[in-house]
C-alpha cells in the first residue's frame, strides 16, 4: 500500500538435493523439504532466489511444496539458475559462475524449453552437444556453457522481453582478473557488459558504480551489487541467511563473509528490476536497515459526508465534492509519492487538503470552499475529523 519500502532480499540460496555440494542432511524420518520450507517461512527475508546448477527441477518442486504448506505466506520466490562458464579469468583459474534470475511469471514450460535449447560442453556418443536439461548426475560437476550461447538462447526462447536478469559472481569463482593479462581483462569487461548486476559484497559496490572500470575508454554503466547467503545446508541457513558474518584475518583486518541485502521496491520482478535503474538508491548491503526520514506523512484518510459540496468563493457556482466517496486511506511512501489520475479526479485537492489541515495556506482554497451539510467547513479546525493525518505536522508546501 505504501509502494517501495526497504526489505531484506536473498537471491542466492540452494535447496535440498541441489545438483552440487548438497549438504542438507536428513535426520531419521525428517522431511527435508518440510524443514527447508519452515526455515524460509520463519526467516526475516521477504524475497528469495531459489538456486540450482543448470536446472530448475528443485525450484518448481519447492514452490509446489511450499504453497501447500504455507498457502497464505507473503514470501516471494524467483528462479535462480547458476551456470559455470567455459572461461576463467581469476588467478586461481576458476571458471566464472554466472546466474540467471527469472521473473516468477514465466511458465515452467518456457524454462524447460530454455534449458533444452542451451547446450553444454558435454557431448553424447554421437558427438552431439548435451543440453542443460539432459545432463546426467555425474556431468554437473564438469559442465560449462559459453556466455555468447547463453545470450542467444535466452533471446531465442524469450525474445526481446527482458523477463530475466543476468548476474556474475564478483568474488570467489568470479571476476577477479590478473592485472598482468590484457586478454583476461578484456574478457572480464565483456562479461561485465552482458551482466545486469553482480553477486558480491559491500567491498564491490563502489567498483561497479564506477563508469571508468573498463580497460578501454568506453564508459561503463553503473550496476548494482547484491549479496546472497549461498547456503547449501541447514547449518549454513542458520548461520548465514540474513546474517552479518565476519572473520578476523589479522589483528587489524576483518573479512566480511556474509552480509544482508536491502532492496527498496515492491515484491515483484518489476520491483527487483528497479535496482538496475537506480543502483545507488534502490539497493544497500548493510547489517542494519537503511534509515527512513524522520519527518514524513504516513497516510491521509477522508470521511466526508455525502452532502459535501465545493463552491467557488464570491460565487453561487457549486458542485459535488469529488472526494466525498473516497473512504480508504492514502498511504505515502517514506521517500517519494506520485499521485496519478485524470483531470478533475482530485489530485490537487488531496494535496491542498493535506496542507490546509496542517495550517499551510494554499491558493486552491483561497479560491474555493467546502460546504458540508449546508455550512462552510473549516478545514484547519476539523472538529468532525473528516480529515485524519498520520505523521508529522512539519511540512513545506510548494
Protein backbone atom coordinates (compact mmCIF):
# COMPACT_ATOMS: atom_id res chain seq x y z
CA UNK A 1 0.00 0.00 0.00
CA UNK A 2 2.96 2.31 0.57
CA UNK A 3 4.77 1.34 -2.61
CA UNK A 4 8.51 0.74 -2.46
CA UNK A 5 9.87 0.05 1.01
CA UNK A 6 13.15 -1.45 2.26
CA UNK A 7 13.01 -5.22 2.68
CA UNK A 8 15.57 -7.99 3.05
CA UNK A 9 16.22 -9.99 -0.13
CA UNK A 10 18.40 -13.08 -0.54
CA UNK A 11 18.66 -14.04 -4.19
CA UNK A 12 21.11 -16.95 -3.80
CA UNK A 13 20.06 -19.90 -1.65
CA UNK A 14 20.24 -23.56 -2.68
CA UNK A 15 17.56 -26.15 -1.93
CA UNK A 16 17.94 -29.69 -0.66
CA UNK A 17 19.09 -32.04 -3.45
CA UNK A 18 20.92 -29.18 -5.18
CA UNK A 19 22.97 -30.66 -8.00
CA UNK A 20 26.36 -29.85 -6.45
CA UNK A 21 27.59 -29.65 -2.82
CA UNK A 22 24.30 -30.87 -1.39
CA UNK A 23 24.95 -30.87 2.36
CA UNK A 24 21.34 -30.98 3.55
CA UNK A 25 21.30 -33.91 6.00
CA UNK A 26 18.11 -35.78 6.81
CA UNK A 27 17.68 -36.80 10.45
CA UNK A 28 15.74 -40.04 10.89
CA UNK A 29 12.25 -39.63 9.37
CA UNK A 30 12.58 -35.88 8.85
CA UNK A 31 11.14 -34.44 5.62
CA UNK A 32 13.97 -32.18 4.46
CA UNK A 33 11.61 -30.14 2.27
CA UNK A 34 9.38 -29.51 5.27
CA UNK A 35 12.37 -28.34 7.33
CA UNK A 36 13.68 -26.19 4.49
CA UNK A 37 10.26 -24.59 3.94
CA UNK A 38 9.89 -23.84 7.66
CA UNK A 39 13.25 -22.08 7.80
CA UNK A 40 12.32 -19.99 4.76
CA UNK A 41 8.90 -19.02 6.13
CA UNK A 42 10.25 -18.16 9.58
CA UNK A 43 13.11 -16.01 8.32
CA UNK A 44 13.00 -12.20 8.12
CA UNK A 45 13.82 -12.30 4.39
CA UNK A 46 10.95 -11.21 2.14
CA UNK A 47 12.18 -12.42 -1.27
CA UNK A 48 14.40 -15.34 -2.28
CA UNK A 49 16.30 -16.53 -5.32
CA UNK A 50 15.88 -20.31 -5.21
CA UNK A 51 19.05 -21.61 -6.82
CA UNK A 52 20.38 -24.73 -8.52
CA UNK A 53 23.05 -25.56 -11.06
CA UNK A 54 21.96 -25.89 -14.72
CA UNK A 55 18.48 -26.94 -13.57
CA UNK A 56 15.05 -25.73 -12.44
CA UNK A 57 13.65 -29.04 -11.13
CA UNK A 58 14.14 -28.30 -7.43
CA UNK A 59 12.71 -24.80 -7.77
CA UNK A 60 9.37 -25.96 -9.13
CA UNK A 61 9.20 -28.85 -6.66
CA UNK A 62 9.87 -26.44 -3.77
CA UNK A 63 7.29 -23.87 -4.96
CA UNK A 64 4.61 -26.55 -5.11
CA UNK A 65 5.56 -27.95 -1.70
CA UNK A 66 5.83 -24.54 -0.03
CA UNK A 67 2.48 -23.25 -1.30
CA UNK A 68 0.71 -26.31 0.05
CA UNK A 69 2.40 -25.95 3.43
CA UNK A 70 2.03 -22.14 3.68
CA UNK A 71 -0.84 -21.11 1.39
CA UNK A 72 -1.09 -17.65 2.99
CA UNK A 73 2.62 -16.87 3.06
CA UNK A 74 3.77 -13.46 1.82
CA UNK A 75 7.21 -14.74 0.80
CA UNK A 76 8.16 -14.21 -2.85
CA UNK A 77 10.40 -16.54 -4.88
CA UNK A 78 12.37 -16.24 -8.10
CA UNK A 79 14.16 -18.97 -10.01
CA UNK A 80 17.95 -18.55 -9.99
CA UNK A 81 19.84 -20.92 -12.32
CA UNK A 82 23.58 -20.98 -11.72
CA UNK A 83 25.88 -21.77 -14.65
CA UNK A 84 29.62 -22.25 -14.99
CA UNK A 85 31.20 -20.51 -17.96
CA UNK A 86 33.88 -22.11 -20.11
CA UNK A 87 36.37 -19.33 -19.35
CA UNK A 88 38.46 -18.41 -16.32
CA UNK A 89 39.95 -15.02 -15.51
CA UNK A 90 40.84 -15.08 -11.83
CA UNK A 91 44.31 -16.03 -10.52
CA UNK A 92 43.07 -19.40 -9.23
CA UNK A 93 41.90 -20.48 -12.69
CA UNK A 94 38.30 -20.90 -11.53
CA UNK A 95 35.64 -20.74 -14.21
CA UNK A 96 33.25 -17.79 -13.87
CA UNK A 97 29.93 -18.52 -12.18
CA UNK A 98 27.04 -16.73 -13.81
CA UNK A 99 23.40 -16.64 -12.69
CA UNK A 100 20.13 -16.03 -14.50
CA UNK A 101 17.26 -14.89 -12.27
CA UNK A 102 13.88 -15.25 -13.95
CA UNK A 103 10.58 -13.49 -13.46
CA UNK A 104 8.22 -15.62 -11.39
CA UNK A 105 5.58 -15.04 -14.07
CA UNK A 106 7.42 -17.26 -16.56
CA UNK A 107 5.93 -20.71 -17.06
CA UNK A 108 7.73 -23.94 -16.26
CA UNK A 109 7.43 -24.97 -19.92
CA UNK A 110 9.34 -21.88 -21.07
CA UNK A 111 12.12 -22.54 -18.56
CA UNK A 112 12.41 -26.15 -19.70
CA UNK A 113 12.46 -25.03 -23.35
CA UNK A 114 15.36 -22.74 -22.48
CA UNK A 115 17.32 -25.45 -20.65
CA UNK A 116 16.72 -27.81 -23.59
CA UNK A 117 17.93 -25.19 -26.04
CA UNK A 118 21.10 -24.21 -24.14
CA UNK A 119 23.94 -26.65 -24.89
CA UNK A 120 26.84 -27.54 -22.59
CA UNK A 121 30.42 -28.65 -23.26
CA UNK A 122 29.43 -32.32 -22.87
CA UNK A 123 28.67 -34.50 -25.90
CA UNK A 124 26.80 -37.75 -26.32
CA UNK A 125 28.06 -40.88 -28.06
CA UNK A 126 27.23 -39.50 -31.50
CA UNK A 127 29.09 -36.25 -30.82
CA UNK A 128 26.04 -34.02 -30.37
CA UNK A 129 26.19 -31.43 -27.59
CA UNK A 130 24.16 -32.26 -24.48
CA UNK A 131 21.73 -29.62 -23.28
CA UNK A 132 21.47 -28.41 -19.69
CA UNK A 133 18.14 -30.22 -19.45
CA UNK A 134 19.69 -33.59 -20.34
CA UNK A 135 22.81 -33.51 -18.16
CA UNK A 136 23.42 -36.69 -16.18
CA UNK A 137 24.16 -36.59 -12.45
CA UNK A 138 27.89 -37.16 -12.87
CA UNK A 139 28.19 -34.45 -15.55
CA UNK A 140 27.11 -31.46 -13.47
CA UNK A 141 30.48 -31.15 -11.73
CA UNK A 142 32.32 -30.51 -15.02
CA UNK A 143 29.58 -28.91 -17.16
CA UNK A 144 30.16 -25.47 -18.65
CA UNK A 145 28.41 -23.19 -21.11
CA UNK A 146 29.52 -20.39 -23.41
CA UNK A 147 28.38 -16.89 -22.43
CA UNK A 148 27.56 -15.91 -26.02
CA UNK A 149 25.43 -19.03 -26.43
CA UNK A 150 23.66 -18.17 -23.17
CA UNK A 151 22.63 -14.77 -24.50
CA UNK A 152 21.49 -16.20 -27.85
CA UNK A 153 19.49 -18.97 -26.17
CA UNK A 154 17.73 -16.50 -23.88
CA UNK A 155 16.75 -14.41 -26.90
CA UNK A 156 15.56 -17.44 -28.86
CA UNK A 157 13.23 -18.57 -26.09
CA UNK A 158 12.13 -15.29 -24.52
CA UNK A 159 12.53 -12.88 -27.44
CA UNK A 160 13.10 -9.22 -26.66
CA UNK A 161 11.08 -9.42 -23.44
CA UNK A 162 13.63 -8.95 -20.64
CA UNK A 163 11.99 -11.35 -18.19
CA UNK A 164 15.30 -12.30 -16.60
CA UNK A 165 18.42 -10.74 -15.07
CA UNK A 166 21.99 -11.93 -15.65
CA UNK A 167 24.40 -11.72 -12.70
CA UNK A 168 28.03 -12.78 -12.37
CA UNK A 169 29.87 -13.63 -9.19
CA UNK A 170 32.26 -10.79 -8.38
CA UNK A 171 34.27 -12.81 -5.83
CA UNK A 172 35.40 -16.39 -5.32
CA UNK A 173 34.60 -18.22 -8.59
CA UNK A 174 34.10 -14.92 -10.30
CA UNK A 175 35.59 -11.84 -11.93
CA UNK A 176 38.98 -11.38 -10.33
CA UNK A 177 41.30 -10.90 -13.30
CA UNK A 178 45.04 -10.78 -13.05
CA UNK A 179 46.21 -7.27 -13.96
CA UNK A 180 49.09 -8.83 -15.91
CA UNK A 181 46.79 -10.40 -18.50
CA UNK A 182 45.24 -7.96 -21.02
CA UNK A 183 43.26 -10.82 -22.59
CA UNK A 184 41.64 -11.75 -19.28
CA UNK A 185 40.89 -8.10 -18.52
CA UNK A 186 39.18 -7.80 -21.91
CA UNK A 187 37.12 -10.94 -21.18
CA UNK A 188 36.17 -9.50 -17.80
CA UNK A 189 34.88 -6.34 -19.48
CA UNK A 190 32.93 -8.47 -21.97
CA UNK A 191 31.23 -10.42 -19.16
CA UNK A 192 30.59 -7.18 -17.29
CA UNK A 193 28.75 -5.72 -20.29
CA UNK A 194 26.33 -8.65 -20.61
CA UNK A 195 25.51 -8.63 -16.87
CA UNK A 196 22.69 -6.65 -15.31
CA UNK A 197 24.08 -6.89 -11.78
CA UNK A 198 26.64 -8.77 -9.69
CA UNK A 199 26.72 -11.04 -6.68
CA UNK A 200 29.25 -9.58 -4.27
CA UNK A 201 29.73 -7.69 -1.04
CA UNK A 202 29.85 -4.11 0.13
CA UNK A 203 33.52 -4.08 -0.91
CA UNK A 204 32.44 -4.44 -4.56
CA UNK A 205 29.76 -1.74 -4.67
CA UNK A 206 31.97 1.26 -5.43
CA UNK A 207 33.80 -0.57 -8.25
CA UNK A 208 30.61 -1.50 -10.13
CA UNK A 209 29.19 2.01 -9.76
CA UNK A 210 32.35 3.41 -11.36
CA UNK A 211 31.85 4.34 -15.03
CA UNK A 212 35.61 4.15 -15.71
CA UNK A 213 36.11 0.49 -14.80
CA UNK A 214 36.70 -0.80 -18.36
CA UNK A 215 40.16 -1.21 -19.87
CA UNK A 216 39.14 0.89 -22.87
CA UNK A 217 37.88 4.47 -22.87
CA UNK A 218 34.31 3.21 -23.20
CA UNK A 219 32.16 4.33 -20.28
CA UNK A 220 30.65 1.51 -18.23
CA UNK A 221 27.10 1.52 -16.95
CA UNK A 222 26.79 1.75 -13.13
CA UNK A 223 25.44 -1.59 -11.96
CA UNK A 224 24.06 -2.87 -8.64
CA UNK A 225 25.66 -5.42 -6.36
CA UNK A 226 23.60 -7.82 -4.23
CA UNK A 227 24.68 -10.35 -1.62
CA UNK A 228 23.29 -13.85 -1.08
CA UNK A 229 23.91 -16.44 1.61
CA UNK A 230 24.69 -19.23 -0.94
CA UNK A 231 23.57 -21.79 1.65
CA UNK A 232 23.97 -25.48 0.80
CA UNK A 233 22.89 -26.91 4.17
CA UNK A 234 20.57 -26.31 7.11
CA UNK A 235 23.58 -25.27 9.19
CA UNK A 236 24.51 -22.64 6.63
CA UNK A 237 20.93 -21.35 6.54
CA UNK A 238 21.01 -20.97 10.33
CA UNK A 239 24.41 -19.28 10.30
CA UNK A 240 24.33 -17.25 7.08
CA UNK A 241 20.78 -16.44 5.96
CA UNK A 242 20.17 -12.77 6.67
CA UNK A 243 23.25 -12.66 8.89
CA UNK A 244 26.25 -10.36 9.04
CA UNK A 245 29.20 -12.76 9.37
CA UNK A 246 32.85 -11.74 9.68
CA UNK A 247 36.20 -13.46 10.16
CA UNK A 248 39.26 -11.96 11.80
CA UNK A 249 42.08 -12.26 9.27
CA UNK A 250 44.65 -10.48 11.39
CA UNK A 251 44.79 -8.19 14.40
CA UNK A 252 43.93 -5.22 12.20
CA UNK A 253 41.80 -6.76 9.48
CA UNK A 254 38.27 -8.24 9.44
CA UNK A 255 36.92 -10.07 6.39
CA UNK A 256 33.17 -9.94 5.74
CA UNK A 257 31.96 -13.43 4.82
CA UNK A 258 28.20 -12.87 4.60
CA UNK A 259 26.07 -9.74 4.59
CA UNK A 260 22.47 -8.55 4.29
CA UNK A 261 20.93 -7.11 1.14
CA UNK A 262 18.19 -4.49 1.42
CA UNK A 263 16.17 -3.59 -1.68
CA UNK A 264 13.67 -0.74 -1.85
CA UNK A 265 10.92 -1.92 -4.17
CA UNK A 266 7.68 -3.82 -4.45
CA UNK A 267 7.92 -7.59 -4.02
CA UNK A 268 7.74 -8.25 -7.75
CA UNK A 269 10.19 -8.94 -10.56
CA UNK A 270 9.47 -5.47 -11.95
CA UNK A 271 10.26 -4.13 -8.50
CA UNK A 272 13.57 -6.01 -8.49
CA UNK A 273 14.45 -4.52 -11.89
CA UNK A 274 14.31 -1.03 -10.36
CA UNK A 275 17.78 -1.63 -8.90
CA UNK A 276 19.14 -1.59 -12.46
CA UNK A 277 17.93 1.98 -12.99
CA UNK A 278 18.80 3.32 -9.52
CA UNK A 279 21.69 1.15 -8.28
CA UNK A 280 22.74 3.76 -5.71
CA UNK A 281 19.35 4.39 -4.13
CA UNK A 282 17.46 1.10 -4.50
CA UNK A 283 19.88 -1.43 -3.01
CA UNK A 284 22.07 -1.40 0.11
CA UNK A 285 24.35 -4.08 1.51
CA UNK A 286 24.43 -3.48 5.24
CA UNK A 287 23.80 -5.24 8.52
CA UNK A 288 21.30 -2.54 9.59
CA UNK A 289 18.19 -1.32 7.78
CA UNK A 290 18.64 1.89 5.77
CA UNK A 291 17.42 4.90 7.70
CA UNK A 292 13.98 6.27 6.91
CA UNK A 293 13.24 10.04 7.02
CA UNK A 294 12.40 11.37 10.48
CA UNK A 295 9.71 13.76 9.21
CA UNK A 296 7.17 12.11 6.98
CA UNK A 297 3.45 11.97 6.33
CA UNK A 298 2.44 8.32 6.59
CA UNK A 299 -1.15 8.48 5.39
CA UNK A 300 -4.24 10.65 4.99
CA UNK A 301 -7.84 9.46 5.30
CA UNK A 302 -11.08 11.27 4.38
CA UNK A 303 -14.58 10.69 5.71
CA UNK A 304 -16.67 13.46 4.16
CA UNK A 305 -20.48 13.14 4.27
CA UNK A 306 -22.38 12.56 1.05
CA UNK A 307 -23.83 16.08 1.41
CA UNK A 308 -20.46 17.74 0.72
CA UNK A 309 -20.14 20.40 -1.99
CA UNK A 310 -17.29 22.52 -3.27
CA UNK A 311 -18.08 26.15 -4.01
CA UNK A 312 -16.15 28.90 -5.73
CA UNK A 313 -15.74 31.87 -3.38
CA UNK A 314 -17.79 35.02 -4.15
CA UNK A 315 -19.98 32.95 -6.46
CA UNK A 316 -23.09 30.79 -6.27
CA UNK A 317 -21.44 28.20 -8.50
CA UNK A 318 -21.05 24.86 -6.68
CA UNK A 319 -20.79 21.15 -7.43
CA UNK A 320 -20.44 17.77 -5.71
CA UNK A 321 -17.16 17.34 -3.88
CA UNK A 322 -15.02 14.89 -5.86
CA UNK A 323 -13.57 13.12 -2.78
CA UNK A 324 -16.75 12.51 -0.81
CA UNK A 325 -16.82 8.81 -1.75
CA UNK A 326 -13.09 8.27 -1.07
CA UNK A 327 -13.07 6.44 2.26
CA UNK A 328 -9.92 4.28 2.21
CA UNK A 329 -6.63 5.78 3.43
CA UNK A 330 -3.99 7.05 1.01
CA UNK A 331 -0.51 5.89 2.07
CA UNK A 332 2.55 7.99 1.37
CA UNK A 333 5.94 6.49 0.71
CA UNK A 334 8.73 7.48 3.09
CA UNK A 335 10.66 8.77 0.09
CA UNK A 336 8.62 9.84 -2.92
CA UNK A 337 4.94 9.61 -3.76
CA UNK A 338 3.29 10.37 -7.09
CA UNK A 339 -0.48 10.76 -7.18
CA UNK A 340 -1.80 9.83 -10.62
CA UNK A 341 -5.29 10.43 -12.01
CA UNK A 342 -7.30 12.04 -14.75
CA UNK A 343 -8.22 15.70 -14.90
CA UNK A 344 -10.64 16.69 -12.14
CA UNK A 345 -10.30 13.47 -10.13
CA UNK A 346 -8.99 15.25 -7.03
CA UNK A 347 -5.17 15.07 -7.18
CA UNK A 348 -4.60 18.74 -6.32
CA UNK A 349 -7.50 18.66 -3.85
CA UNK A 350 -5.87 15.85 -1.84
CA UNK A 351 -2.56 17.71 -1.57
CA UNK A 352 -4.25 21.02 -0.78
CA UNK A 353 -6.42 19.44 1.94
CA UNK A 354 -3.27 17.96 3.46
CA UNK A 355 -1.59 21.37 3.52
CA UNK A 356 -4.62 23.27 4.85
CA UNK A 357 -5.17 20.72 7.59
CA UNK A 358 -1.56 21.29 8.68
CA UNK A 359 -2.02 25.07 8.58
CA UNK A 360 -0.20 25.67 5.28
CA UNK A 361 -2.41 28.05 3.29
CA UNK A 362 -2.89 27.25 -0.41
CA UNK A 363 -4.08 29.10 -3.50
CA UNK A 364 -6.55 26.27 -4.07
CA UNK A 365 -8.65 27.09 -1.00
CA UNK A 366 -8.17 30.83 -1.43
CA UNK A 367 -10.48 30.42 -4.41
CA UNK A 368 -12.81 27.66 -3.18
CA UNK A 369 -14.50 26.47 -0.02
CA UNK A 370 -16.19 23.31 1.15
CA UNK A 371 -19.85 23.19 2.15
CA UNK A 372 -20.69 20.30 4.48
CA UNK A 373 -24.33 19.70 5.36
CA UNK A 374 -25.17 23.25 4.27
CA UNK A 375 -22.46 25.04 6.28
CA UNK A 376 -18.97 26.25 5.43
CA UNK A 377 -16.36 23.74 6.55
CA UNK A 378 -13.26 24.96 8.43
CA UNK A 379 -10.51 22.62 7.30
CA UNK A 380 -7.91 23.64 9.87
CA UNK A 381 -10.32 23.30 12.81
CA UNK A 382 -11.76 19.98 11.72
CA UNK A 383 -13.90 19.18 14.75
CA UNK A 384 -15.68 16.33 12.96
CA UNK A 385 -12.45 14.60 11.92
CA UNK A 386 -13.36 14.45 8.25
CA UNK A 387 -9.60 14.50 7.59
CA UNK A 388 -7.18 12.31 9.53
CA UNK A 389 -3.42 12.63 9.02
CA UNK A 390 -0.86 10.22 10.45
CA UNK A 391 2.68 11.55 10.62
CA UNK A 392 4.46 14.86 11.01
CA UNK A 393 2.80 18.27 11.00
CA UNK A 394 6.06 19.84 9.80
CA UNK A 395 5.75 20.12 6.03
CA UNK A 396 6.81 22.53 3.34
CA UNK A 397 4.11 23.11 0.77
CA UNK A 398 5.10 24.49 -2.65
